Amino acid sequence: MLAGGPDPHLAPMTDPATKAMTAAAFGVAIYASAFAAVGLALRFWSGRSAVRRYLADASYWIYIVHLPLVMAAQVLVQDWSAPWWAKLALVVAGVSGLSLASYELLIRHTVMGRWLNGRRVPWRRPAPAALVPAE
C-alpha cells in the first residue's frame, strides 16, 4: 500500500500548508527511522558474525558491479508477464547471488581483494576464562 497499491492514484499537493507539514513529517520520519535502525543494530547485532564480516568485505565489490547487472536483469525481465514484485524479487536475488559469487571466485583471494579490502588480519576468539573453585 505504501507504493500506491495495485493502481496508484497520484495527485500533486496544491495546498501549501499541507505540503509544508508533509515535508516536515517526512524529514522527522527519515531521521527517526535512521536513528532507530542504528539503535537496533547496536542492540541486536553488535557481536561478531562471520556472515556480516563477509558481507562487509564484499560490499564495495557489490557496489561496483551491481549497476550494470541490475540494468541487464531489468532488460531480461521487462517483457515477462509476471507481477512487478516477482520480477523485483528475482532481479534482487539474482544480482545479489551473482555479485557474491563473482566476489568469492574472482576477487576475495586475489590481489584485487587485497586492494579493495586491505590486508586481512585474522582475529582470535578470546581465551575462555579459567575456572576457579569457589571457597
N, C-alpha and C. Protein backbone atom coordinates (compact mmCIF):
# COMPACT_ATOMS: atom_id res chain seq x y z
N MET A 1 0.82 -1.20 0.00
CA MET A 1 0.00 0.00 0.00
C MET A 1 0.86 1.26 0.00
N LEU A 2 2.08 1.19 0.55
CA LEU A 2 2.95 2.37 0.55
C LEU A 2 3.34 2.79 -0.85
N ALA A 3 3.38 1.83 -1.78
CA ALA A 3 3.75 2.14 -3.16
C ALA A 3 2.54 2.59 -3.97
N GLY A 4 1.40 2.73 -3.35
CA GLY A 4 0.22 3.20 -4.06
C GLY A 4 -0.77 2.11 -4.38
N GLY A 5 -0.53 0.89 -3.90
CA GLY A 5 -1.44 -0.21 -4.16
C GLY A 5 -1.32 -0.70 -5.58
N PRO A 6 -2.24 -1.55 -6.00
CA PRO A 6 -2.13 -2.11 -7.35
C PRO A 6 -2.38 -1.07 -8.44
N ASP A 7 -3.14 -0.02 -8.13
CA ASP A 7 -3.43 1.01 -9.12
C ASP A 7 -3.27 2.37 -8.45
N PRO A 8 -2.04 2.89 -8.36
CA PRO A 8 -1.84 4.14 -7.62
C PRO A 8 -2.51 5.33 -8.30
N HIS A 9 -3.08 6.19 -7.49
CA HIS A 9 -3.69 7.43 -7.97
C HIS A 9 -2.89 8.58 -7.37
N LEU A 10 -1.94 9.07 -8.11
CA LEU A 10 -1.08 10.13 -7.61
C LEU A 10 -1.60 11.48 -8.07
N ALA A 11 -1.71 12.39 -7.12
CA ALA A 11 -2.16 13.75 -7.44
C ALA A 11 -1.24 14.72 -6.71
N PRO A 12 -0.84 15.81 -7.35
CA PRO A 12 0.04 16.76 -6.68
C PRO A 12 -0.68 17.47 -5.54
N MET A 13 0.09 17.80 -4.50
CA MET A 13 -0.48 18.59 -3.39
C MET A 13 -0.55 20.03 -3.83
N THR A 14 -1.67 20.64 -3.63
CA THR A 14 -1.83 22.03 -4.03
C THR A 14 -1.85 22.98 -2.85
N ASP A 15 -2.25 22.50 -1.68
CA ASP A 15 -2.31 23.35 -0.50
C ASP A 15 -0.91 23.52 0.08
N PRO A 16 -0.37 24.75 0.15
CA PRO A 16 0.99 24.95 0.65
C PRO A 16 1.18 24.52 2.10
N ALA A 17 0.18 24.72 2.94
CA ALA A 17 0.30 24.34 4.35
C ALA A 17 0.41 22.81 4.48
N THR A 18 -0.42 22.10 3.73
CA THR A 18 -0.36 20.64 3.76
C THR A 18 0.96 20.14 3.22
N LYS A 19 1.44 20.78 2.17
CA LYS A 19 2.72 20.39 1.59
C LYS A 19 3.86 20.61 2.58
N ALA A 20 3.86 21.72 3.29
CA ALA A 20 4.91 22.02 4.27
C ALA A 20 4.85 21.03 5.44
N MET A 21 3.66 20.74 5.93
CA MET A 21 3.53 19.80 7.04
C MET A 21 3.95 18.39 6.62
N THR A 22 3.61 18.00 5.42
CA THR A 22 4.00 16.69 4.92
C THR A 22 5.52 16.60 4.77
N ALA A 23 6.14 17.65 4.26
CA ALA A 23 7.60 17.66 4.12
C ALA A 23 8.27 17.59 5.48
N ALA A 24 7.75 18.33 6.46
CA ALA A 24 8.32 18.29 7.80
C ALA A 24 8.15 16.90 8.43
N ALA A 25 7.00 16.30 8.24
CA ALA A 25 6.76 14.97 8.79
C ALA A 25 7.68 13.94 8.15
N PHE A 26 7.89 14.04 6.85
CA PHE A 26 8.80 13.12 6.17
C PHE A 26 10.24 13.30 6.67
N GLY A 27 10.66 14.55 6.87
CA GLY A 27 12.00 14.80 7.39
C GLY A 27 12.21 14.20 8.77
N VAL A 28 11.26 14.41 9.66
CA VAL A 28 11.34 13.84 11.01
C VAL A 28 11.32 12.32 10.94
N ALA A 29 10.48 11.76 10.09
CA ALA A 29 10.37 10.31 9.97
C ALA A 29 11.67 9.69 9.44
N ILE A 30 12.33 10.35 8.51
CA ILE A 30 13.58 9.83 7.97
C ILE A 30 14.66 9.81 9.05
N TYR A 31 14.82 10.91 9.78
CA TYR A 31 15.82 10.94 10.85
C TYR A 31 15.48 9.94 11.95
N ALA A 32 14.22 9.85 12.34
CA ALA A 32 13.83 8.91 13.40
C ALA A 32 14.08 7.47 12.97
N SER A 33 13.77 7.14 11.73
CA SER A 33 13.99 5.76 11.28
C SER A 33 15.48 5.45 11.17
N ALA A 34 16.30 6.43 10.79
CA ALA A 34 17.74 6.20 10.75
C ALA A 34 18.29 5.96 12.15
N PHE A 35 17.89 6.76 13.12
CA PHE A 35 18.33 6.55 14.49
C PHE A 35 17.81 5.23 15.05
N ALA A 36 16.59 4.86 14.70
CA ALA A 36 16.04 3.59 15.16
C ALA A 36 16.82 2.42 14.57
N ALA A 37 17.18 2.50 13.30
CA ALA A 37 17.94 1.43 12.66
C ALA A 37 19.32 1.28 13.30
N VAL A 38 19.99 2.40 13.58
CA VAL A 38 21.29 2.34 14.23
C VAL A 38 21.15 1.78 15.65
N GLY A 39 20.15 2.22 16.37
CA GLY A 39 19.93 1.71 17.72
C GLY A 39 19.64 0.22 17.75
N LEU A 40 18.81 -0.25 16.84
CA LEU A 40 18.51 -1.68 16.77
C LEU A 40 19.74 -2.48 16.38
N ALA A 41 20.53 -1.96 15.45
CA ALA A 41 21.75 -2.66 15.05
C ALA A 41 22.72 -2.75 16.21
N LEU A 42 22.89 -1.67 16.97
CA LEU A 42 23.79 -1.71 18.12
C LEU A 42 23.28 -2.66 19.20
N ARG A 43 21.98 -2.71 19.36
CA ARG A 43 21.40 -3.56 20.41
C ARG A 43 21.45 -5.03 20.06
N PHE A 44 21.10 -5.39 18.83
CA PHE A 44 20.93 -6.79 18.49
C PHE A 44 22.05 -7.37 17.63
N TRP A 45 22.84 -6.55 16.95
CA TRP A 45 23.85 -7.08 16.02
C TRP A 45 25.23 -6.53 16.30
N SER A 46 25.58 -6.28 17.56
CA SER A 46 26.87 -5.68 17.85
C SER A 46 27.98 -6.71 18.04
N GLY A 47 27.65 -7.99 18.12
CA GLY A 47 28.67 -9.02 18.31
C GLY A 47 29.33 -9.40 17.00
N ARG A 48 30.30 -10.31 17.08
CA ARG A 48 30.98 -10.78 15.88
C ARG A 48 30.08 -11.72 15.10
N SER A 49 30.19 -11.63 13.78
CA SER A 49 29.44 -12.51 12.89
C SER A 49 30.25 -12.72 11.63
N ALA A 50 30.50 -13.96 11.31
CA ALA A 50 31.26 -14.27 10.09
C ALA A 50 30.48 -13.85 8.85
N VAL A 51 29.17 -14.01 8.87
CA VAL A 51 28.35 -13.64 7.71
C VAL A 51 28.38 -12.13 7.50
N ARG A 52 28.18 -11.37 8.57
CA ARG A 52 28.23 -9.90 8.43
C ARG A 52 29.61 -9.43 8.01
N ARG A 53 30.66 -10.07 8.52
CA ARG A 53 32.01 -9.69 8.12
C ARG A 53 32.22 -9.95 6.63
N TYR A 54 31.74 -11.11 6.16
CA TYR A 54 31.88 -11.45 4.74
C TYR A 54 31.12 -10.44 3.87
N LEU A 55 29.89 -10.12 4.27
CA LEU A 55 29.11 -9.15 3.50
C LEU A 55 29.74 -7.76 3.54
N ALA A 56 30.33 -7.40 4.66
CA ALA A 56 31.02 -6.11 4.75
C ALA A 56 32.23 -6.09 3.81
N ASP A 57 32.97 -7.20 3.78
CA ASP A 57 34.11 -7.28 2.87
C ASP A 57 33.67 -7.22 1.41
N ALA A 58 32.55 -7.85 1.10
CA ALA A 58 32.07 -7.92 -0.28
C ALA A 58 31.30 -6.67 -0.70
N SER A 59 30.94 -5.82 0.23
CA SER A 59 30.03 -4.71 -0.09
C SER A 59 30.58 -3.76 -1.15
N TYR A 60 31.85 -3.44 -1.09
CA TYR A 60 32.38 -2.49 -2.08
C TYR A 60 32.38 -3.11 -3.47
N TRP A 61 32.73 -4.38 -3.57
CA TRP A 61 32.67 -5.06 -4.88
C TRP A 61 31.24 -5.08 -5.40
N ILE A 62 30.29 -5.38 -4.53
CA ILE A 62 28.89 -5.41 -4.94
C ILE A 62 28.45 -4.02 -5.40
N TYR A 63 28.89 -2.99 -4.70
CA TYR A 63 28.58 -1.62 -5.10
C TYR A 63 29.10 -1.33 -6.51
N ILE A 64 30.31 -1.81 -6.79
CA ILE A 64 30.93 -1.54 -8.10
C ILE A 64 30.18 -2.24 -9.22
N VAL A 65 29.80 -3.51 -9.02
CA VAL A 65 29.27 -4.30 -10.14
C VAL A 65 27.75 -4.34 -10.21
N HIS A 66 27.04 -3.84 -9.19
CA HIS A 66 25.60 -4.06 -9.20
C HIS A 66 24.86 -3.29 -10.30
N LEU A 67 25.29 -2.10 -10.62
CA LEU A 67 24.52 -1.29 -11.57
C LEU A 67 24.40 -1.93 -12.96
N PRO A 68 25.49 -2.35 -13.60
CA PRO A 68 25.30 -2.98 -14.91
C PRO A 68 24.55 -4.31 -14.81
N LEU A 69 24.71 -5.03 -13.70
CA LEU A 69 23.98 -6.29 -13.55
C LEU A 69 22.48 -6.04 -13.38
N VAL A 70 22.12 -5.04 -12.60
CA VAL A 70 20.70 -4.71 -12.42
C VAL A 70 20.09 -4.26 -13.75
N MET A 71 20.82 -3.43 -14.49
CA MET A 71 20.30 -2.97 -15.78
C MET A 71 20.09 -4.14 -16.74
N ALA A 72 21.05 -5.07 -16.79
CA ALA A 72 20.91 -6.24 -17.66
C ALA A 72 19.75 -7.11 -17.21
N ALA A 73 19.59 -7.29 -15.91
CA ALA A 73 18.49 -8.12 -15.40
C ALA A 73 17.14 -7.47 -15.70
N GLN A 74 17.06 -6.15 -15.61
CA GLN A 74 15.81 -5.47 -15.92
C GLN A 74 15.44 -5.63 -17.39
N VAL A 75 16.43 -5.59 -18.26
CA VAL A 75 16.16 -5.80 -19.68
C VAL A 75 15.65 -7.22 -19.91
N LEU A 76 16.22 -8.18 -19.18
CA LEU A 76 15.80 -9.57 -19.35
C LEU A 76 14.36 -9.80 -18.91
N VAL A 77 13.92 -9.16 -17.81
CA VAL A 77 12.60 -9.46 -17.26
C VAL A 77 11.51 -8.47 -17.68
N GLN A 78 11.84 -7.44 -18.45
CA GLN A 78 10.86 -6.39 -18.73
C GLN A 78 9.63 -6.87 -19.49
N ASP A 79 9.78 -7.87 -20.33
CA ASP A 79 8.63 -8.33 -21.13
C ASP A 79 7.92 -9.53 -20.53
N TRP A 80 8.32 -9.98 -19.37
CA TRP A 80 7.66 -11.10 -18.72
C TRP A 80 6.28 -10.66 -18.22
N SER A 81 5.38 -11.60 -18.16
CA SER A 81 4.02 -11.27 -17.70
C SER A 81 3.87 -11.43 -16.19
N ALA A 82 4.93 -11.67 -15.47
CA ALA A 82 4.88 -11.82 -14.01
C ALA A 82 4.58 -10.46 -13.37
N PRO A 83 4.03 -10.47 -12.14
CA PRO A 83 3.79 -9.20 -11.45
C PRO A 83 5.11 -8.52 -11.10
N TRP A 84 5.05 -7.20 -10.89
CA TRP A 84 6.26 -6.42 -10.66
C TRP A 84 7.04 -6.89 -9.46
N TRP A 85 6.33 -7.30 -8.38
CA TRP A 85 7.02 -7.70 -7.16
C TRP A 85 7.79 -9.00 -7.36
N ALA A 86 7.29 -9.88 -8.22
CA ALA A 86 8.02 -11.13 -8.50
C ALA A 86 9.27 -10.84 -9.33
N LYS A 87 9.13 -9.94 -10.30
CA LYS A 87 10.30 -9.57 -11.11
C LYS A 87 11.33 -8.86 -10.24
N LEU A 88 10.88 -7.99 -9.34
CA LEU A 88 11.80 -7.29 -8.45
C LEU A 88 12.55 -8.29 -7.56
N ALA A 89 11.83 -9.24 -6.97
CA ALA A 89 12.47 -10.24 -6.12
C ALA A 89 13.48 -11.07 -6.91
N LEU A 90 13.14 -11.42 -8.13
CA LEU A 90 14.04 -12.21 -8.97
C LEU A 90 15.29 -11.41 -9.33
N VAL A 91 15.13 -10.15 -9.68
CA VAL A 91 16.28 -9.31 -10.03
C VAL A 91 17.19 -9.13 -8.81
N VAL A 92 16.61 -8.83 -7.65
CA VAL A 92 17.41 -8.62 -6.44
C VAL A 92 18.15 -9.90 -6.06
N ALA A 93 17.45 -11.03 -6.04
CA ALA A 93 18.09 -12.29 -5.67
C ALA A 93 19.15 -12.70 -6.69
N GLY A 94 18.85 -12.56 -7.96
CA GLY A 94 19.80 -12.95 -9.00
C GLY A 94 21.06 -12.09 -8.99
N VAL A 95 20.89 -10.79 -8.90
CA VAL A 95 22.04 -9.88 -8.89
C VAL A 95 22.85 -10.07 -7.61
N SER A 96 22.18 -10.25 -6.48
CA SER A 96 22.90 -10.47 -5.22
C SER A 96 23.72 -11.76 -5.29
N GLY A 97 23.09 -12.82 -5.78
CA GLY A 97 23.80 -14.09 -5.89
C GLY A 97 24.98 -14.01 -6.85
N LEU A 98 24.76 -13.40 -7.99
CA LEU A 98 25.83 -13.26 -8.98
C LEU A 98 26.97 -12.38 -8.46
N SER A 99 26.63 -11.30 -7.77
CA SER A 99 27.65 -10.42 -7.21
C SER A 99 28.48 -11.12 -6.14
N LEU A 100 27.82 -11.85 -5.25
CA LEU A 100 28.54 -12.57 -4.20
C LEU A 100 29.39 -13.70 -4.78
N ALA A 101 28.86 -14.40 -5.78
CA ALA A 101 29.63 -15.47 -6.41
C ALA A 101 30.86 -14.91 -7.13
N SER A 102 30.69 -13.80 -7.82
CA SER A 102 31.85 -13.21 -8.51
C SER A 102 32.87 -12.69 -7.50
N TYR A 103 32.40 -12.19 -6.36
CA TYR A 103 33.34 -11.74 -5.33
C TYR A 103 34.16 -12.92 -4.81
N GLU A 104 33.49 -14.01 -4.51
CA GLU A 104 34.19 -15.17 -3.96
C GLU A 104 35.16 -15.77 -4.97
N LEU A 105 34.72 -15.90 -6.22
CA LEU A 105 35.54 -16.59 -7.23
C LEU A 105 36.61 -15.71 -7.87
N LEU A 106 36.34 -14.42 -8.02
CA LEU A 106 37.25 -13.56 -8.78
C LEU A 106 38.01 -12.54 -7.94
N ILE A 107 37.52 -12.22 -6.75
CA ILE A 107 38.07 -11.07 -6.04
C ILE A 107 38.66 -11.44 -4.68
N ARG A 108 37.96 -12.14 -3.85
CA ARG A 108 38.29 -12.29 -2.43
C ARG A 108 39.74 -12.73 -2.18
N HIS A 109 40.21 -13.74 -2.88
CA HIS A 109 41.53 -14.31 -2.59
C HIS A 109 42.57 -13.88 -3.62
N THR A 110 42.40 -12.71 -4.20
CA THR A 110 43.34 -12.24 -5.22
C THR A 110 43.94 -10.91 -4.80
N VAL A 111 44.82 -10.40 -5.65
CA VAL A 111 45.41 -9.09 -5.41
C VAL A 111 44.33 -8.02 -5.37
N MET A 112 43.32 -8.16 -6.21
CA MET A 112 42.22 -7.19 -6.22
C MET A 112 41.49 -7.18 -4.88
N GLY A 113 41.32 -8.34 -4.27
CA GLY A 113 40.69 -8.41 -2.95
C GLY A 113 41.50 -7.70 -1.89
N ARG A 114 42.84 -7.86 -1.95
CA ARG A 114 43.69 -7.15 -1.01
C ARG A 114 43.62 -5.64 -1.25
N TRP A 115 43.51 -5.24 -2.51
CA TRP A 115 43.42 -3.82 -2.82
C TRP A 115 42.10 -3.23 -2.33
N LEU A 116 40.99 -3.97 -2.53
CA LEU A 116 39.68 -3.46 -2.12
C LEU A 116 39.49 -3.51 -0.60
N ASN A 117 39.93 -4.59 0.04
CA ASN A 117 39.62 -4.80 1.46
C ASN A 117 40.79 -4.53 2.39
N GLY A 118 41.98 -4.33 1.85
CA GLY A 118 43.14 -4.14 2.71
C GLY A 118 43.68 -5.48 3.19
N ARG A 119 44.76 -5.41 3.96
CA ARG A 119 45.38 -6.63 4.47
C ARG A 119 44.43 -7.32 5.44
N ARG A 120 44.32 -8.61 5.30
CA ARG A 120 43.43 -9.38 6.17
C ARG A 120 44.17 -9.73 7.46
N VAL A 121 43.60 -9.33 8.57
CA VAL A 121 44.18 -9.62 9.87
C VAL A 121 43.29 -10.65 10.54
N PRO A 122 43.81 -11.85 10.79
CA PRO A 122 42.94 -12.86 11.43
C PRO A 122 42.61 -12.44 12.86
N TRP A 123 41.42 -12.72 13.26
CA TRP A 123 41.03 -12.40 14.63
C TRP A 123 40.99 -13.69 15.41
N ARG A 124 41.23 -13.57 16.67
CA ARG A 124 41.23 -14.75 17.55
C ARG A 124 40.11 -14.59 18.54
N ARG A 125 39.52 -15.72 18.86
CA ARG A 125 38.48 -15.71 19.91
C ARG A 125 39.18 -15.50 21.25
N PRO A 126 38.54 -14.81 22.17
CA PRO A 126 39.17 -14.65 23.48
C PRO A 126 39.29 -15.99 24.18
N ALA A 127 40.36 -16.17 24.91
CA ALA A 127 40.58 -17.42 25.63
C ALA A 127 39.50 -17.58 26.69
N PRO A 128 39.01 -18.81 26.87
CA PRO A 128 37.98 -19.00 27.90
C PRO A 128 38.55 -18.72 29.27
N ALA A 129 37.72 -18.14 30.10
CA ALA A 129 38.16 -17.81 31.46
C ALA A 129 38.44 -19.07 32.23
N ALA A 130 39.52 -19.06 32.99
CA ALA A 130 39.87 -20.23 33.82
C ALA A 130 38.87 -20.35 34.96
N LEU A 131 38.45 -21.58 35.21
CA LEU A 131 37.50 -21.83 36.29
C LEU A 131 38.27 -21.88 37.61
N VAL A 132 37.86 -21.07 38.52
CA VAL A 132 38.48 -21.05 39.85
C VAL A 132 37.49 -21.64 40.83
N PRO A 133 37.91 -22.67 41.58
CA PRO A 133 36.96 -23.27 42.53
C PRO A 133 36.52 -22.26 43.59
N ALA A 134 35.26 -22.30 43.90
CA ALA A 134 34.72 -21.40 44.91
C ALA A 134 35.17 -21.86 46.28
N GLU A 135 35.49 -20.93 47.16
CA GLU A 135 35.94 -21.28 48.51
C GLU A 135 34.86 -21.08 49.50
